[in-house]
Amino acid sequence: MTLDSQPRSPSKSLLIALLITCGFIAIFIPLDRVLFPQVTLAPLFGAILLFGLSLLFRPLPTIACFLVTLPYVMLSMIFLAPFDPTNSVILTRFWVRTMTFVTVGIVSAMASYFRCRLVDMLGQTKQLLFELPVAVVLSNSSGRITWANPAARLMLGSVSLVGRHFLTVLPSDGTPIDYDALFNSTNSDAYVRRAVPDHGVRFMRLSAGRSQTLVTVLLPIDKEK
């Protein structure tokens, strides 16, 4: 769960992100001086901080924290490490590290944006499945239920379906269901008519990398198209 996954005003999220950033900078400045007196690790520390913030906050707070962290990184490279503006090698190194950190900030903001888009889409999908009037059950390749909507819990007569084996809670009229074959089949969409009394059962296998989920929808016969 991220810090901005719960309803929160944008200004409050921004304030929390800035407080975290300022707090970590205040802690790291003395450590950087004591542990690394001849070189500063501020760019590395700032990059780790920004990537961490991108996993916790939306793009706006992430960008604001980048704008706070950038001057800290640049000043650290000027004052905490040997810096000679007349030395072309040192000056070039300074600007290369600065532009690298700017790139890190851009990537962090983009990562935050796409993460939030994904979280929002998953939330909408889950809400849709939750509100459906037909029973929907999600299970893994071992047959264990990972999620069920209220209609499924009502139909199957249990409020605690998660963790139970799918075939043990599914009413059956005797029609065999080869659960393993549903995951090994090249057809990602299968339909069994009347495997459950007065219902048709549609199985849809979803793959995401090595992870697979079986979506089972129990359709009352009088609602079939």
C-alpha atoms as a PDB file:
ATOM      1  CA  MET A   1       0.000   0.000   0.000  1.00  0.00           C
ATOM      2  CA  THR A   2       1.297   3.461  -0.814  1.00  0.00           C
ATOM      3  CA  LEU A   3       0.951   6.613   1.246  1.00  0.00           C
ATOM      4  CA  ASP A   4      -1.381   8.113  -1.356  1.00  0.00           C
ATOM      5  CA  SER A   5      -3.527   4.987  -1.842  1.00  0.00           C
ATOM      6  CA  GLN A   6      -6.006   6.309   0.706  1.00  0.00           C
ATOM      7  CA  PRO A   7      -8.102   9.427   0.006  1.00  0.00           C
ATOM      8  CA  ARG A   8      -5.964  12.447   0.823  1.00  0.00           C
ATOM      9  CA  SER A   9      -5.928  16.027  -0.391  1.00  0.00           C
ATOM     10  CA  PRO A  10      -3.139  16.864  -2.875  1.00  0.00           C
ATOM     11  CA  SER A  11      -1.818  19.569  -0.561  1.00  0.00           C
ATOM     12  CA  LYS A  12      -1.510  17.125   2.340  1.00  0.00           C
ATOM     13  CA  SER A  13       0.327  14.579   0.182  1.00  0.00           C
ATOM     14  CA  LEU A  14       2.650  17.337  -1.029  1.00  0.00           C
ATOM     15  CA  LEU A  15       3.372  18.466   2.535  1.00  0.00           C
ATOM     16  CA  ILE A  16       4.100  14.913   3.718  1.00  0.00           C
ATOM     17  CA  ALA A  17       6.419  14.266   0.768  1.00  0.00           C
ATOM     18  CA  LEU A  18       8.326  17.496   1.353  1.00  0.00           C
ATOM     19  CA  LEU A  19       8.679  16.776   5.069  1.00  0.00           C
ATOM     20  CA  ILE A  20      10.073  13.310   4.287  1.00  0.00           C
ATOM     21  CA  THR A  21      12.511  14.795   1.776  1.00  0.00           C
ATOM     22  CA  CYS A  22      13.724  17.561   4.079  1.00  0.00           C
ATOM     23  CA  GLY A  23      14.036  15.145   6.988  1.00  0.00           C
ATOM     24  CA  PHE A  24      16.170  12.698   5.026  1.00  0.00           C
ATOM     25  CA  ILE A  25      18.364  15.498   3.665  1.00  0.00           C
ATOM     26  CA  ALA A  26      18.889  16.878   7.170  1.00  0.00           C
ATOM     27  CA  ILE A  27      19.956  13.421   8.360  1.00  0.00           C
ATOM     28  CA  PHE A  28      22.208  12.693   5.399  1.00  0.00           C
ATOM     29  CA  ILE A  29      24.157  15.991   5.302  1.00  0.00           C
ATOM     30  CA  PRO A  30      26.203  15.344   8.500  1.00  0.00           C
ATOM     31  CA  LEU A  31      26.643  11.664   7.597  1.00  0.00           C
ATOM     32  CA  ASP A  32      27.954  12.620   4.180  1.00  0.00           C
ATOM     33  CA  ARG A  33      30.492  15.014   5.684  1.00  0.00           C
ATOM     34  CA  VAL A  34      31.732  12.569   8.320  1.00  0.00           C
ATOM     35  CA  LEU A  35      31.800   9.340   6.330  1.00  0.00           C
ATOM     36  CA  PHE A  36      32.856  10.695   2.935  1.00  0.00           C
ATOM     37  CA  PRO A  37      34.854  13.914   3.452  1.00  0.00           C
ATOM     38  CA  GLN A  38      36.590  13.780   0.045  1.00  0.00           C
ATOM     39  CA  VAL A  39      33.559  12.932  -2.066  1.00  0.00           C
ATOM     40  CA  THR A  40      29.804  13.340  -1.759  1.00  0.00           C
ATOM     41  CA  LEU A  41      27.244  10.629  -2.246  1.00  0.00           C
ATOM     42  CA  ALA A  42      24.432  13.176  -2.483  1.00  0.00           C
ATOM     43  CA  PRO A  43      23.548  12.282  -6.117  1.00  0.00           C
ATOM     44  CA  LEU A  44      23.245   8.595  -5.243  1.00  0.00           C
ATOM     45  CA  PHE A  45      21.292   9.340  -2.079  1.00  0.00           C
ATOM     46  CA  GLY A  46      19.006  11.738  -3.966  1.00  0.00           C
ATOM     47  CA  ALA A  47      18.336   9.161  -6.689  1.00  0.00           C
ATOM     48  CA  ILE A  48      17.396   6.498  -4.127  1.00  0.00           C
ATOM     49  CA  LEU A  49      15.169   8.998  -2.320  1.00  0.00           C
ATOM     50  CA  LEU A  50      13.340  10.019  -5.518  1.00  0.00           C
ATOM     51  CA  PHE A  51      12.728   6.457  -6.615  1.00  0.00           C
ATOM     52  CA  GLY A  52      11.393   5.655  -3.169  1.00  0.00           C
ATOM     53  CA  LEU A  53       9.073   8.670  -3.277  1.00  0.00           C
ATOM     54  CA  SER A  54       7.838   7.656  -6.740  1.00  0.00           C
ATOM     55  CA  LEU A  55       6.575   4.417  -5.170  1.00  0.00           C
ATOM     56  CA  LEU A  56       4.744   6.289  -2.423  1.00  0.00           C
ATOM     57  CA  PHE A  57       3.321   9.431  -4.001  1.00  0.00           C
ATOM     58  CA  ARG A  58       1.712  10.775  -7.126  1.00  0.00           C
ATOM     59  CA  PRO A  59       3.683  12.748  -9.738  1.00  0.00           C
ATOM     60  CA  LEU A  60       3.158  16.244  -8.315  1.00  0.00           C
ATOM     61  CA  PRO A  61       4.713  15.555  -4.881  1.00  0.00           C
ATOM     62  CA  THR A  62       7.482  13.563  -6.589  1.00  0.00           C
ATOM     63  CA  ILE A  63       8.318  16.493  -8.880  1.00  0.00           C
ATOM     64  CA  ALA A  64       8.221  18.948  -5.964  1.00  0.00           C
ATOM     65  CA  CYS A  65      10.651  16.783  -3.999  1.00  0.00           C
ATOM     66  CA  PHE A  66      12.938  16.600  -7.027  1.00  0.00           C
ATOM     67  CA  LEU A  67      12.995  20.408  -7.208  1.00  0.00           C
ATOM     68  CA  VAL A  68      13.986  20.492  -3.521  1.00  0.00           C
ATOM     69  CA  THR A  69      16.588  17.746  -3.860  1.00  0.00           C
ATOM     70  CA  LEU A  70      18.283  19.125  -6.994  1.00  0.00           C
ATOM     71  CA  PRO A  71      19.789  22.254  -5.294  1.00  0.00           C
ATOM     72  CA  TYR A  72      20.920  20.060  -2.394  1.00  0.00           C
ATOM     73  CA  VAL A  73      22.712  17.695  -4.783  1.00  0.00           C
ATOM     74  CA  MET A  74      24.368  20.531  -6.722  1.00  0.00           C
ATOM     75  CA  LEU A  75      25.487  22.391  -3.587  1.00  0.00           C
ATOM     76  CA  SER A  76      26.812  19.145  -2.104  1.00  0.00           C
ATOM     77  CA  MET A  77      28.977  18.593  -5.156  1.00  0.00           C
ATOM     78  CA  ILE A  78      30.282  22.163  -4.883  1.00  0.00           C
ATOM     79  CA  PHE A  79      30.905  22.455  -1.140  1.00  0.00           C
ATOM     80  CA  LEU A  80      31.304  18.908   0.170  1.00  0.00           C
ATOM     81  CA  ALA A  81      33.721  17.650  -2.456  1.00  0.00           C
ATOM     82  CA  PRO A  82      36.848  19.243  -3.961  1.00  0.00           C
ATOM     83  CA  PHE A  83      35.474  21.575  -6.624  1.00  0.00           C
ATOM     84  CA  ASP A  84      37.484  23.817  -8.915  1.00  0.00           C
ATOM     85  CA  PRO A  85      35.436  25.650 -11.580  1.00  0.00           C
ATOM     86  CA  THR A  86      38.648  26.395 -13.504  1.00  0.00           C
ATOM     87  CA  ASN A  87      39.379  22.698 -13.870  1.00  0.00           C
ATOM     88  CA  SER A  88      37.574  21.528 -17.022  1.00  0.00           C
ATOM     89  CA  VAL A  89      37.588  17.888 -15.952  1.00  0.00           C
ATOM     90  CA  ILE A  90      35.979  18.623 -12.586  1.00  0.00           C
ATOM     91  CA  LEU A  91      33.505  21.059 -14.159  1.00  0.00           C
ATOM     92  CA  THR A  92      32.511  18.531 -16.815  1.00  0.00           C
ATOM     93  CA  ARG A  93      32.073  15.863 -14.152  1.00  0.00           C
ATOM     94  CA  PHE A  94      29.880  18.248 -12.169  1.00  0.00           C
ATOM     95  CA  TRP A  95      27.536  18.925 -15.082  1.00  0.00           C
ATOM     96  CA  VAL A  96      27.420  15.274 -16.125  1.00  0.00           C
ATOM     97  CA  ARG A  97      26.408  14.231 -12.613  1.00  0.00           C
ATOM     98  CA  THR A  98      23.893  17.078 -12.449  1.00  0.00           C
ATOM     99  CA  MET A  99      22.249  16.137 -15.760  1.00  0.00           C
ATOM    100  CA  THR A 100      22.261  12.490 -14.728  1.00  0.00           C
ATOM    101  CA  PHE A 101      20.384  13.433 -11.584  1.00  0.00           C
ATOM    102  CA  VAL A 102      17.926  15.520 -13.633  1.00  0.00           C
ATOM    103  CA  THR A 103      17.302  12.422 -15.756  1.00  0.00           C
ATOM    104  CA  VAL A 104      16.684  10.433 -12.587  1.00  0.00           C
ATOM    105  CA  GLY A 105      14.113  13.026 -11.533  1.00  0.00           C
ATOM    106  CA  ILE A 106      12.305  12.783 -14.876  1.00  0.00           C
ATOM    107  CA  VAL A 107      12.289   8.983 -14.751  1.00  0.00           C
ATOM    108  CA  SER A 108      10.991   9.056 -11.159  1.00  0.00           C
ATOM    109  CA  ALA A 109       8.120  11.368 -12.127  1.00  0.00           C
ATOM    110  CA  MET A 110       7.224   9.121 -15.071  1.00  0.00           C
ATOM    111  CA  ALA A 111       7.404   6.025 -12.873  1.00  0.00           C
ATOM    112  CA  SER A 112       5.070   7.683 -10.371  1.00  0.00           C
ATOM    113  CA  TYR A 113       2.647   8.637 -13.152  1.00  0.00           C
ATOM    114  CA  PHE A 114       2.445   5.160 -14.692  1.00  0.00           C
ATOM    115  CA  ARG A 115       2.270   3.495 -11.282  1.00  0.00           C
ATOM    116  CA  CYS A 116      -0.703   5.675 -10.332  1.00  0.00           C
ATOM    117  CA  ARG A 117      -2.408   4.962 -13.646  1.00  0.00           C
ATOM    118  CA  LEU A 118      -1.984   1.243 -13.056  1.00  0.00           C
ATOM    119  CA  VAL A 119      -3.231   1.464  -9.457  1.00  0.00           C
ATOM    120  CA  ASP A 120      -6.275   3.470 -10.580  1.00  0.00           C
ATOM    121  CA  MET A 121      -7.089   0.982 -13.351  1.00  0.00           C
ATOM    122  CA  LEU A 122      -6.754  -1.971 -10.997  1.00  0.00           C
ATOM    123  CA  GLY A 123      -8.956  -0.219  -8.457  1.00  0.00           C
ATOM    124  CA  GLN A 124     -11.653   0.448 -11.053  1.00  0.00           C
ATOM    125  CA  THR A 125     -11.492  -3.145 -12.282  1.00  0.00           C
ATOM    126  CA  LYS A 126     -11.789  -4.491  -8.751  1.00  0.00           C
ATOM    127  CA  GLN A 127     -14.733  -2.184  -8.061  1.00  0.00           C
ATOM    128  CA  LEU A 128     -16.440  -3.352 -11.256  1.00  0.00           C
ATOM    129  CA  LEU A 129     -16.016  -7.001 -10.304  1.00  0.00           C
ATOM    130  CA  PHE A 130     -17.205  -6.194  -6.782  1.00  0.00           C
ATOM    131  CA  GLU A 131     -20.430  -4.616  -8.062  1.00  0.00           C
ATOM    132  CA  LEU A 132     -21.296  -7.289 -10.648  1.00  0.00           C
ATOM    133  CA  PRO A 133     -24.564  -9.108  -9.863  1.00  0.00           C
ATOM    134  CA  VAL A 134     -23.092 -12.433 -11.076  1.00  0.00           C
ATOM    135  CA  ALA A 135     -20.620 -14.537  -9.107  1.00  0.00           C
ATOM    136  CA  VAL A 136     -16.936 -13.962  -9.949  1.00  0.00           C
ATOM    137  CA  VAL A 137     -14.134 -16.001  -8.388  1.00  0.00           C
ATOM    138  CA  LEU A 138     -10.370 -15.592  -8.901  1.00  0.00           C
ATOM    139  CA  SER A 139      -8.090 -18.555  -8.211  1.00  0.00           C
ATOM    140  CA  ASN A 140      -4.440 -19.443  -8.764  1.00  0.00           C
ATOM    141  CA  SER A 141      -2.791 -22.347 -10.563  1.00  0.00           C
ATOM    142  CA  SER A 142      -2.921 -24.521  -7.443  1.00  0.00           C
ATOM    143  CA  GLY A 143      -6.687 -24.093  -7.278  1.00  0.00           C
ATOM    144  CA  ARG A 144      -6.760 -21.815  -4.239  1.00  0.00           C
ATOM    145  CA  ILE A 145      -9.225 -18.925  -4.261  1.00  0.00           C
ATOM    146  CA  THR A 146      -7.529 -15.531  -4.105  1.00  0.00           C
ATOM    147  CA  TRP A 147     -10.610 -13.289  -4.353  1.00  0.00           C
ATOM    148  CA  ALA A 148     -14.398 -13.548  -4.681  1.00  0.00           C
ATOM    149  CA  ASN A 149     -17.014 -10.855  -5.092  1.00  0.00           C
ATOM    150  CA  PRO A 150     -20.052 -10.565  -2.781  1.00  0.00           C
ATOM    151  CA  ALA A 151     -22.324 -12.341  -5.297  1.00  0.00           C
ATOM    152  CA  ALA A 152     -19.975 -15.335  -5.258  1.00  0.00           C
ATOM    153  CA  ARG A 153     -19.810 -15.406  -1.468  1.00  0.00           C
ATOM    154  CA  LEU A 154     -23.606 -15.273  -1.315  1.00  0.00           C
ATOM    155  CA  MET A 155     -24.069 -18.013  -3.895  1.00  0.00           C
ATOM    156  CA  LEU A 156     -21.422 -20.316  -2.415  1.00  0.00           C
ATOM    157  CA  GLY A 157     -22.685 -19.696   1.104  1.00  0.00           C
ATOM    158  CA  SER A 158     -19.446 -18.518   2.675  1.00  0.00           C
ATOM    159  CA  VAL A 159     -17.897 -15.171   3.528  1.00  0.00           C
ATOM    160  CA  SER A 160     -14.396 -16.675   3.888  1.00  0.00           C
ATOM    161  CA  LEU A 161     -13.584 -18.205   0.512  1.00  0.00           C
ATOM    162  CA  VAL A 162     -10.010 -16.929   0.166  1.00  0.00           C
ATOM    163  CA  GLY A 163      -7.488 -19.744   0.605  1.00  0.00           C
ATOM    164  CA  ARG A 164      -9.983 -22.551   0.083  1.00  0.00           C
ATOM    165  CA  HIS A 165      -9.688 -24.904  -2.874  1.00  0.00           C
ATOM    166  CA  PHE A 166     -11.947 -23.776  -5.695  1.00  0.00           C
ATOM    167  CA  LEU A 167     -13.397 -27.182  -6.618  1.00  0.00           C
ATOM    168  CA  THR A 168     -14.311 -27.967  -2.991  1.00  0.00           C
ATOM    169  CA  VAL A 169     -16.663 -24.976  -2.711  1.00  0.00           C
ATOM    170  CA  LEU A 170     -18.118 -25.102  -6.233  1.00  0.00           C
ATOM    171  CA  PRO A 171     -21.535 -26.833  -6.395  1.00  0.00           C
ATOM    172  CA  SER A 172     -21.491 -29.495  -9.091  1.00  0.00           C
ATOM    173  CA  ASP A 173     -24.026 -31.581 -10.986  1.00  0.00           C
ATOM    174  CA  GLY A 174     -21.378 -34.198 -11.703  1.00  0.00           C
ATOM    175  CA  THR A 175     -19.905 -32.635 -14.823  1.00  0.00           C
ATOM    176  CA  PRO A 176     -16.125 -33.180 -14.554  1.00  0.00           C
ATOM    177  CA  ILE A 177     -13.935 -30.081 -14.477  1.00  0.00           C
ATOM    178  CA  ASP A 178     -10.225 -30.611 -15.127  1.00  0.00           C
ATOM    179  CA  TYR A 179      -8.799 -27.641 -13.289  1.00  0.00           C
ATOM    180  CA  ASP A 180      -5.197 -28.260 -14.350  1.00  0.00           C
ATOM    181  CA  ALA A 181      -6.236 -28.439 -18.004  1.00  0.00           C
ATOM    182  CA  LEU A 182      -7.695 -24.937 -17.755  1.00  0.00           C
ATOM    183  CA  PHE A 183      -4.187 -23.594 -17.070  1.00  0.00           C
ATOM    184  CA  ASN A 184      -2.370 -25.784 -19.590  1.00  0.00           C
ATOM    185  CA  SER A 185      -4.812 -25.301 -22.456  1.00  0.00           C
ATOM    186  CA  THR A 186      -3.878 -22.946 -25.293  1.00  0.00           C
ATOM    187  CA  ASN A 187      -7.466 -21.670 -25.190  1.00  0.00           C
ATOM    188  CA  SER A 188      -7.667 -18.922 -22.572  1.00  0.00           C
ATOM    189  CA  ASP A 189     -11.485 -18.914 -22.606  1.00  0.00           C
ATOM    190  CA  ALA A 190     -13.523 -22.016 -21.787  1.00  0.00           C
ATOM    191  CA  TYR A 191     -17.228 -22.536 -21.152  1.00  0.00           C
ATOM    192  CA  VAL A 192     -18.955 -25.377 -19.330  1.00  0.00           C
ATOM    193  CA  ARG A 193     -22.741 -25.527 -19.515  1.00  0.00           C
ATOM    194  CA  ARG A 194     -24.568 -26.654 -16.416  1.00  0.00           C
ATOM    195  CA  ALA A 195     -21.473 -27.831 -14.512  1.00  0.00           C
ATOM    196  CA  VAL A 196     -23.126 -25.993 -11.635  1.00  0.00           C
ATOM    197  CA  PRO A 197     -26.860 -26.584 -11.160  1.00  0.00           C
ATOM    198  CA  ASP A 198     -28.880 -23.939 -13.075  1.00  0.00           C
ATOM    199  CA  HIS A 199     -25.685 -22.165 -14.098  1.00  0.00           C
ATOM    200  CA  GLY A 200     -23.252 -21.981 -16.929  1.00  0.00           C
ATOM    201  CA  VAL A 201     -19.614 -21.558 -15.947  1.00  0.00           C
ATOM    202  CA  ARG A 202     -17.167 -19.489 -17.956  1.00  0.00           C
ATOM    203  CA  PHE A 203     -13.463 -19.809 -17.256  1.00  0.00           C
ATOM    204  CA  MET A 204     -10.992 -17.157 -18.410  1.00  0.00           C
ATOM    205  CA  ARG A 205      -7.283 -17.642 -17.846  1.00  0.00           C
ATOM    206  CA  LEU A 206      -5.263 -14.454 -17.412  1.00  0.00           C
ATOM    207  CA  SER A 207      -1.479 -14.476 -17.662  1.00  0.00           C
ATOM    208  CA  ALA A 208       0.923 -11.827 -16.378  1.00  0.00           C
ATOM    209  CA  GLY A 209       4.469 -13.066 -16.832  1.00  0.00           C
ATOM    210  CA  ARG A 210       4.827 -16.266 -14.844  1.00  0.00           C
ATOM    211  CA  SER A 211       1.739 -15.532 -12.783  1.00  0.00           C
ATOM    212  CA  GLN A 212      -1.588 -16.956 -13.923  1.00  0.00           C
ATOM    213  CA  THR A 213      -5.074 -16.355 -12.592  1.00  0.00           C
ATOM    214  CA  LEU A 214      -8.268 -18.180 -13.437  1.00  0.00           C
ATOM    215  CA  VAL A 215     -11.358 -15.978 -13.575  1.00  0.00           C
ATOM    216  CA  THR A 216     -14.544 -17.994 -13.067  1.00  0.00           C
ATOM    217  CA  VAL A 217     -17.917 -16.410 -13.814  1.00  0.00           C
ATOM    218  CA  LEU A 218     -21.077 -18.260 -12.789  1.00  0.00           C
ATOM    219  CA  LEU A 219     -23.914 -17.281 -15.129  1.00  0.00           C
ATOM    220  CA  PRO A 220     -27.525 -18.162 -14.278  1.00  0.00           C
ATOM    221  CA  ILE A 221     -29.004 -20.079 -17.192  1.00  0.00           C
ATOM    222  CA  ASP A 222     -31.868 -17.611 -17.661  1.00  0.00           C
ATOM    223  CA  LYS A 223     -29.298 -14.798 -18.122  1.00  0.00           C
ATOM    224  CA  GLU A 224     -27.250 -16.520 -20.780  1.00  0.00           C
ATOM    225  CA  LYS A 225     -27.131 -14.943 -24.208  1.00  0.00           C
END
